[in-house]
C-alpha atoms as a PDB file:
ATOM      1  CA  MET A   1     151.980 125.671 157.520  1.00  0.00           C
ATOM      2  CA  SER A   2     151.712 127.441 160.740  1.00  0.00           C
ATOM      3  CA  ASN A   3     153.410 126.608 163.696  1.00  0.00           C
ATOM      4  CA  LYS A   4     149.795 124.976 165.136  1.00  0.00           C
ATOM      5  CA  ASN A   5     149.395 123.170 162.337  1.00  0.00           C
ATOM      6  CA  SER A   6     152.631 121.589 162.330  1.00  0.00           C
ATOM      7  CA  VAL A   7     152.459 120.423 166.211  1.00  0.00           C
ATOM      8  CA  LEU A   8     148.986 118.850 165.454  1.00  0.00           C
ATOM      9  CA  PHE A   9     150.575 117.630 162.009  1.00  0.00           C
ATOM     10  CA  ASP A  10     153.733 115.980 164.066  1.00  0.00           C
ATOM     11  CA  GLU A  11     151.270 114.670 167.053  1.00  0.00           C
ATOM     12  CA  ILE A  12     149.520 112.631 164.385  1.00  0.00           C
ATOM     13  CA  ASN A  13     152.311 111.289 162.650  1.00  0.00           C
ATOM     14  CA  ALA A  14     153.687 110.234 166.062  1.00  0.00           C
ATOM     15  CA  VAL A  15     149.956 108.342 166.156  1.00  0.00           C
ATOM     16  CA  LEU A  16     149.841 106.967 162.973  1.00  0.00           C
ATOM     17  CA  LYS A  17     152.963 105.034 163.844  1.00  0.00           C
ATOM     18  CA  TYR A  18     150.747 102.272 165.612  1.00  0.00           C
ATOM     19  CA  GLU A  19     148.231 102.696 162.375  1.00  0.00           C
ATOM     20  CA  PRO A  20     147.009  99.006 161.734  1.00  0.00           C
ATOM     21  CA  CYS A  21     147.846  97.266 158.218  1.00  0.00           C
ATOM     22  CA  GLN A  22     145.368  98.502 155.698  1.00  0.00           C
ATOM     23  CA  ARG A  23     144.539  94.878 154.803  1.00  0.00           C
ATOM     24  CA  HIS A  24     143.124  91.422 156.033  1.00  0.00           C
ATOM     25  CA  SER A  25     144.050  90.559 159.234  1.00  0.00           C
ATOM     26  CA  TYR A  26     145.463  86.797 159.248  1.00  0.00           C
ATOM     27  CA  PHE A  27     142.651  85.830 161.745  1.00  0.00           C
ATOM     28  CA  GLN A  28     140.115  87.098 158.625  1.00  0.00           C
ATOM     29  CA  LEU A  29     141.727  85.444 156.039  1.00  0.00           C
ATOM     30  CA  LYS A  30     142.558  82.083 158.114  1.00  0.00           C
ATOM     31  CA  TYR A  31     138.769  81.608 159.721  1.00  0.00           C
ATOM     32  CA  PHE A  32     136.333  83.655 157.440  1.00  0.00           C
ATOM     33  CA  LEU A  33     137.757  83.185 153.896  1.00  0.00           C
ATOM     34  CA  ILE A  34     139.460  79.764 154.103  1.00  0.00           C
ATOM     35  CA  GLY A  35     137.806  78.402 157.138  1.00  0.00           C
ATOM     36  CA  LYS A  36     134.352  78.513 155.458  1.00  0.00           C
ATOM     37  CA  GLU A  37     135.009  76.234 153.518  1.00  0.00           C
ATOM     38  CA  PRO A  38     134.122  72.507 153.811  1.00  0.00           C
ATOM     39  CA  THR A  39     136.422  70.877 152.182  1.00  0.00           C
ATOM     40  CA  ASN A  40     140.427  70.565 152.125  1.00  0.00           C
ATOM     41  CA  GLN A  41     139.763  70.568 148.029  1.00  0.00           C
ATOM     42  CA  SER A  42     137.522  73.984 148.055  1.00  0.00           C
ATOM     43  CA  LYS A  43     140.244  75.750 150.714  1.00  0.00           C
ATOM     44  CA  MET A  44     142.819  74.869 148.178  1.00  0.00           C
ATOM     45  CA  TRP A  45     140.273  75.857 145.068  1.00  0.00           C
ATOM     46  CA  GLN A  46     140.001  79.057 147.121  1.00  0.00           C
ATOM     47  CA  CYS A  47     143.768  79.682 147.875  1.00  0.00           C
ATOM     48  CA  LEU A  48     144.839  79.423 144.253  1.00  0.00           C
ATOM     49  CA  ARG A  49     141.674  81.698 143.438  1.00  0.00           C
ATOM     50  CA  GLU A  50     143.373  84.775 146.005  1.00  0.00           C
ATOM     51  CA  LEU A  51     146.384  83.878 144.730  1.00  0.00           C
ATOM     52  CA  LYS A  52     145.399  84.670 141.003  1.00  0.00           C
ATOM     53  CA  SER A  53     143.645  88.057 142.427  1.00  0.00           C
ATOM     54  CA  ARG A  54     146.641  89.030 144.129  1.00  0.00           C
ATOM     55  CA  LYS A  55     148.875  88.205 140.948  1.00  0.00           C
ATOM     56  CA  ASP A  56     146.815  90.541 139.201  1.00  0.00           C
ATOM     57  CA  SER A  57     147.286  93.018 141.757  1.00  0.00           C
ATOM     58  CA  LEU A  58     150.502  92.841 142.293  1.00  0.00           C
ATOM     59  CA  GLU A  59     151.296  93.332 137.933  1.00  0.00           C
ATOM     60  CA  ALA A  60     149.063  96.286 137.975  1.00  0.00           C
ATOM     61  CA  LEU A  61     150.735  97.815 140.974  1.00  0.00           C
ATOM     62  CA  ASP A  62     154.249  97.710 139.435  1.00  0.00           C
ATOM     63  CA  LEU A  63     153.020  99.101 135.897  1.00  0.00           C
ATOM     64  CA  GLU A  64     151.518 101.799 138.034  1.00  0.00           C
ATOM     65  CA  SER A  65     154.409 101.857 140.253  1.00  0.00           C
ATOM     66  CA  GLU A  66     156.869 102.407 136.850  1.00  0.00           C
ATOM     67  CA  ASP A  67     154.544 105.115 135.057  1.00  0.00           C
ATOM     68  CA  SER A  68     154.785 107.064 138.317  1.00  0.00           C
ATOM     69  CA  LYS A  69     158.334 106.970 138.142  1.00  0.00           C
ATOM     70  CA  ASP A  70     158.489 108.054 134.291  1.00  0.00           C
ATOM     71  CA  LYS A  71     156.204 110.839 135.370  1.00  0.00           C
ATOM     72  CA  LEU A  72     158.626 111.957 138.397  1.00  0.00           C
ATOM     73  CA  GLU A  73     161.501 112.038 135.761  1.00  0.00           C
ATOM     74  CA  LEU A  74     159.203 113.973 133.308  1.00  0.00           C
ATOM     75  CA  LEU A  75     158.634 116.967 136.815  1.00  0.00           C
ATOM     76  CA  ASP A  76     162.268 116.859 136.950  1.00  0.00           C
ATOM     77  CA  ILE A  77     162.693 117.691 133.338  1.00  0.00           C
ATOM     78  CA  THR A  78     160.353 120.412 133.519  1.00  0.00           C
ATOM     79  CA  LEU A  79     161.606 121.651 136.838  1.00  0.00           C
ATOM     80  CA  GLU A  80     165.253 121.917 135.052  1.00  0.00           C
ATOM     81  CA  ARG A  81     163.728 123.762 132.535  1.00  0.00           C
ATOM     82  CA  LEU A  82     161.813 126.340 134.233  1.00  0.00           C
ATOM     83  CA  ARG A  83     165.150 127.041 136.664  1.00  0.00           C
ATOM     84  CA  ILE A  84     166.847 127.674 133.242  1.00  0.00           C
ATOM     85  CA  LYS A  85     164.029 129.848 132.201  1.00  0.00           C
ATOM     86  CA  LEU A  86     164.134 131.968 135.164  1.00  0.00           C
ATOM     87  CA  GLU A  87     167.886 132.713 134.929  1.00  0.00           C
ATOM     88  CA  MET A  88     167.389 134.314 131.992  1.00  0.00           C
ATOM     89  CA  ILE A  89     163.848 136.275 132.241  1.00  0.00           C
ATOM     90  CA  GLU A  90     164.545 139.925 133.658  1.00  0.00           C
ATOM     91  CA  ASP A  91     160.691 141.086 133.632  1.00  0.00           C
ATOM     92  CA  ASN A  92     159.808 141.205 137.779  1.00  0.00           C
ATOM     93  CA  LEU A  93     155.665 139.640 136.796  1.00  0.00           C
ATOM     94  CA  SER A  94     157.235 137.192 134.353  1.00  0.00           C
ATOM     95  CA  LYS A  95     159.858 135.950 136.884  1.00  0.00           C
ATOM     96  CA  ARG A  96     157.084 135.615 139.714  1.00  0.00           C
ATOM     97  CA  GLU A  97     155.150 133.953 137.332  1.00  0.00           C
ATOM     98  CA  MET A  98     157.701 131.585 137.018  1.00  0.00           C
ATOM     99  CA  GLN A  99     158.534 131.297 140.346  1.00  0.00           C
ATOM    100  CA  ILE A 100     154.626 130.221 140.637  1.00  0.00           C
ATOM    101  CA  GLN A 101     155.012 127.760 137.980  1.00  0.00           C
ATOM    102  CA  ILE A 102     158.065 126.087 139.850  1.00  0.00           C
ATOM    103  CA  LYS A 103     156.235 126.366 143.342  1.00  0.00           C
ATOM    104  CA  GLN A 104     153.085 124.457 141.504  1.00  0.00           C
ATOM    105  CA  THR A 105     155.449 121.900 139.752  1.00  0.00           C
ATOM    106  CA  TYR A 106     157.188 120.796 143.356  1.00  0.00           C
ATOM    107  CA  ARG A 107     153.910 120.266 145.077  1.00  0.00           C
ATOM    108  CA  GLN A 108     152.920 117.804 141.816  1.00  0.00           C
ATOM    109  CA  LYS A 109     156.279 115.778 142.379  1.00  0.00           C
ATOM    110  CA  ALA A 110     155.440 115.620 146.240  1.00  0.00           C
ATOM    111  CA  SER A 111     152.186 114.217 145.520  1.00  0.00           C
ATOM    112  CA  LEU A 112     153.391 111.389 143.059  1.00  0.00           C
ATOM    113  CA  GLU A 113     156.383 111.166 145.458  1.00  0.00           C
ATOM    114  CA  ALA A 114     153.435 110.514 147.930  1.00  0.00           C
ATOM    115  CA  ASN A 115     151.378 108.150 145.908  1.00  0.00           C
ATOM    116  CA  VAL A 116     154.673 106.123 145.088  1.00  0.00           C
ATOM    117  CA  LEU A 117     154.910 105.478 148.566  1.00  0.00           C
ATOM    118  CA  GLN A 118     151.428 104.413 149.083  1.00  0.00           C
ATOM    119  CA  LEU A 119     151.849 102.197 146.234  1.00  0.00           C
ATOM    120  CA  VAL A 120     154.679 100.364 147.947  1.00  0.00           C
ATOM    121  CA  GLU A 121     152.475 100.207 151.018  1.00  0.00           C
ATOM    122  CA  ARG A 122     150.037  98.508 149.189  1.00  0.00           C
ATOM    123  CA  LYS A 123     152.316  95.908 147.613  1.00  0.00           C
ATOM    124  CA  ASN A 124     153.792  94.862 150.498  1.00  0.00           C
ATOM    125  CA  TRP A 125     150.449  94.096 152.241  1.00  0.00           C
ATOM    126  CA  ILE A 126     149.182  92.154 149.070  1.00  0.00           C
ATOM    127  CA  GLU A 127     152.372  90.328 149.046  1.00  0.00           C
ATOM    128  CA  GLU A 128     152.183  89.199 152.579  1.00  0.00           C
ATOM    129  CA  GLU A 129     148.488  87.865 151.689  1.00  0.00           C
ATOM    130  CA  SER A 130     150.111  86.337 149.330  1.00  0.00           C
ATOM    131  CA  ARG A 131     152.355  84.170 151.691  1.00  0.00           C
ATOM    132  CA  PHE A 132     149.761  83.741 153.793  1.00  0.00           C
ATOM    133  CA  PHE A 133     147.674  81.768 150.853  1.00  0.00           C
ATOM    134  CA  LEU A 134     150.686  80.193 149.638  1.00  0.00           C
ATOM    135  CA  GLU A 135     151.696  78.606 152.788  1.00  0.00           C
ATOM    136  CA  THR A 136     148.179  77.800 153.440  1.00  0.00           C
ATOM    137  CA  PHE A 137     147.892  75.909 149.833  1.00  0.00           C
ATOM    138  CA  LYS A 138     151.230  73.865 150.576  1.00  0.00           C
ATOM    139  CA  ASN A 139     150.173  73.195 153.943  1.00  0.00           C
ATOM    140  CA  ILE A 140     146.736  71.479 152.691  1.00  0.00           C
ATOM    141  CA  LEU A 141     148.504  70.266 149.955  1.00  0.00           C
ATOM    142  CA  LYS A 142     150.481  67.845 152.427  1.00  0.00           C
ATOM    143  CA  THR A 143     147.401  66.273 153.519  1.00  0.00           C
ATOM    144  CA  GLU A 144     146.166  65.136 150.364  1.00  0.00           C
ATOM    145  CA  PRO A 145     146.678  65.934 146.357  1.00  0.00           C
ATOM    146  CA  LEU A 146     145.058  68.369 144.981  1.00  0.00           C
ATOM    147  CA  LYS A 147     141.905  67.345 142.675  1.00  0.00           C
ATOM    148  CA  ASN A 148     140.755  68.933 138.945  1.00  0.00           C
ATOM    149  CA  PHE A 149     137.800  71.788 139.922  1.00  0.00           C
ATOM    150  CA  ASP A 150     135.788  69.721 138.234  1.00  0.00           C
ATOM    151  CA  ASP A 151     136.533  66.229 139.837  1.00  0.00           C
ATOM    152  CA  LEU A 152     133.040  64.576 140.330  1.00  0.00           C
ATOM    153  CA  ASP A 153     134.204  63.005 143.784  1.00  0.00           C
ATOM    154  CA  SER A 154     135.275  66.521 144.954  1.00  0.00           C
ATOM    155  CA  GLN A 155     132.444  68.141 143.940  1.00  0.00           C
ATOM    156  CA  LYS A 156     130.127  65.694 145.458  1.00  0.00           C
ATOM    157  CA  GLU A 157     131.779  66.135 148.796  1.00  0.00           C
ATOM    158  CA  TYR A 158     131.904  69.888 148.443  1.00  0.00           C
ATOM    159  CA  TRP A 159     128.092  70.319 147.685  1.00  0.00           C
ATOM    160  CA  GLU A 160     127.496  67.548 150.652  1.00  0.00           C
ATOM    161  CA  GLU A 161     129.303  69.350 153.016  1.00  0.00           C
ATOM    162  CA  LYS A 162     128.037  72.822 152.308  1.00  0.00           C
ATOM    163  CA  LEU A 163     124.381  72.305 151.594  1.00  0.00           C
ATOM    164  CA  THR A 164     124.642  69.700 155.011  1.00  0.00           C
ATOM    165  CA  ASN A 165     126.023  72.704 157.026  1.00  0.00           C
ATOM    166  CA  LYS A 166     123.661  75.302 155.935  1.00  0.00           C
ATOM    167  CA  LEU A 167     120.542  73.208 156.288  1.00  0.00           C
ATOM    168  CA  ASN A 168     121.080  72.197 159.725  1.00  0.00           C
ATOM    169  CA  LEU A 169     121.981  75.713 160.486  1.00  0.00           C
ATOM    170  CA  LYS A 170     118.374  76.603 159.488  1.00  0.00           C
ATOM    171  CA  MET A 171     116.822  73.721 161.218  1.00  0.00           C
ATOM    172  CA  LEU A 172     118.999  74.570 164.219  1.00  0.00           C
ATOM    173  CA  THR A 173     117.706  78.111 163.919  1.00  0.00           C
ATOM    174  CA  ASN A 174     114.320  76.882 163.240  1.00  0.00           C
ATOM    175  CA  ASN A 175     114.567  79.182 160.308  1.00  0.00           C
ATOM    176  CA  GLN A 176     112.208  78.257 157.006  1.00  0.00           C
ATOM    177  CA  LEU A 177     113.918  76.296 154.375  1.00  0.00           C
ATOM    178  CA  ASP A 178     114.011  78.653 151.135  1.00  0.00           C
ATOM    179  CA  THR A 179     112.891  77.353 148.356  1.00  0.00           C
ATOM    180  CA  GLU A 180     116.413  77.868 146.258  1.00  0.00           C
ATOM    181  CA  MET A 181     118.213  76.040 148.969  1.00  0.00           C
ATOM    182  CA  VAL A 182     115.729  72.860 148.486  1.00  0.00           C
ATOM    183  CA  GLU A 183     115.818  73.140 144.629  1.00  0.00           C
ATOM    184  CA  THR A 184     119.562  72.680 144.582  1.00  0.00           C
ATOM    185  CA  ILE A 185     119.677  70.054 146.946  1.00  0.00           C
ATOM    186  CA  VAL A 186     117.277  68.077 144.904  1.00  0.00           C
ATOM    187  CA  ALA A 187     119.075  69.067 142.084  1.00  0.00           C
ATOM    188  CA  LEU A 188     121.949  67.194 143.311  1.00  0.00           C
ATOM    189  CA  PRO A 189     123.186  63.094 142.367  1.00  0.00           C
ATOM    190  CA  ASP A 190     120.652  60.488 143.806  1.00  0.00           C
ATOM    191  CA  ASP A 191     123.383  58.983 145.798  1.00  0.00           C
ATOM    192  CA  MET A 192     124.212  61.978 147.933  1.00  0.00           C
ATOM    193  CA  PRO A 193     123.090  61.578 151.631  1.00  0.00           C
ATOM    194  CA  ILE A 194     121.838  65.422 151.688  1.00  0.00           C
ATOM    195  CA  LYS A 195     119.602  64.774 148.859  1.00  0.00           C
ATOM    196  CA  LYS A 196     118.355  61.825 150.721  1.00  0.00           C
ATOM    197  CA  GLN A 197     117.760  63.652 153.713  1.00  0.00           C
ATOM    198  CA  ILE A 198     115.687  66.508 152.353  1.00  0.00           C
ATOM    199  CA  LEU A 199     113.465  64.168 150.085  1.00  0.00           C
ATOM    200  CA  ASN A 200     112.904  62.412 153.727  1.00  0.00           C
ATOM    201  CA  THR A 201     111.994  66.042 155.406  1.00  0.00           C
ATOM    202  CA  LEU A 202     110.121  66.989 152.393  1.00  0.00           C
ATOM    203  CA  ASN A 203     108.032  63.545 152.333  1.00  0.00           C
ATOM    204  CA  LEU A 204     107.336  63.921 155.885  1.00  0.00           C
ATOM    205  CA  ARG A 205     106.568  66.952 155.993  1.00  0.00           C
ATOM    206  CA  HIS A 206     103.573  66.174 153.146  1.00  0.00           C
ATOM    207  CA  VAL A 207     102.744  63.611 154.928  1.00  0.00           C
ATOM    208  CA  SER A 208     101.935  65.648 158.404  1.00  0.00           C
ATOM    209  CA  LEU A 209     100.062  68.247 155.782  1.00  0.00           C
ATOM    210  CA  MET A 210      97.787  65.737 154.792  1.00  0.00           C
ATOM    211  CA  LYS A 211      96.597  64.792 157.717  1.00  0.00           C
ATOM    212  CA  GLN A 212      96.312  67.753 158.825  1.00  0.00           C
ATOM    213  CA  LEU A 213      94.284  68.209 155.619  1.00  0.00           C
ATOM    214  CA  GLN A 214      92.386  65.474 156.324  1.00  0.00           C
ATOM    215  CA  ASP A 215      91.462  66.041 160.051  1.00  0.00           C
ATOM    216  CA  THR A 216      90.540  69.654 158.929  1.00  0.00           C
ATOM    217  CA  ALA A 217      87.780  68.013 156.483  1.00  0.00           C
ATOM    218  CA  ASN A 218      86.870  65.493 159.113  1.00  0.00           C
ATOM    219  CA  GLN A 219      85.640  68.031 161.462  1.00  0.00           C
ATOM    220  CA  ILE A 220      83.669  70.023 158.860  1.00  0.00           C
ATOM    221  CA  GLU A 221      82.065  66.944 158.086  1.00  0.00           C
ATOM    222  CA  SER A 222      81.546  66.053 161.697  1.00  0.00           C
ATOM    223  CA  LYS A 223      79.905  69.382 162.218  1.00  0.00           C
ATOM    224  CA  LYS A 224      77.380  69.912 159.111  1.00  0.00           C
ATOM    225  CA  GLU A 225      76.313  65.792 160.460  1.00  0.00           C
ATOM    226  CA  GLU A 226      75.706  67.651 163.883  1.00  0.00           C
ATOM    227  CA  ASN A 227      73.677  70.333 162.232  1.00  0.00           C
END
């Protein structure tokens, strides 16, 4: 490496000490991942989903790390054999060729070692996120016990809150109600307030539309009579 490049790399490494973590911030996890869930039950369900995903990732990283360590050991064995062969070679060209193979093997080893360090970093970031979800889950659990995912009351509460929030946002921003959301709400049990609200809204719109059609028809009839 040239002196110029060496200086540049030193400066880059000095700055990279302040590099942000390659994971979601705790702010993102708290407000955009867990916080967007409308009920405590759904927050705990989401925590469990995230913990399962990260547990799988940690297990995969451990396997990859062990595999990389085995490859490093095999490279050390290869280097030892190459050095032994190098001492036995007398032909100059063959010796130069062997020296190149040794340098290539060292580069492979350096690359693999760098990869192992990256795996350690990734594992640390995933563990940090895992601890966040675990603590969040435990804190919510203190407020109410975890219900089964298919618990009827919990599901009704979840969909009531989720669809009500979505519906209210649509209305507040003057957006048209999309058919899929209306169909979802109408498919809910009859005793849920959000279903009663949307059916009432649809009925009012239907009455208003029919009145407009009737008014238009009356205006047409009036013009015909005038002519």
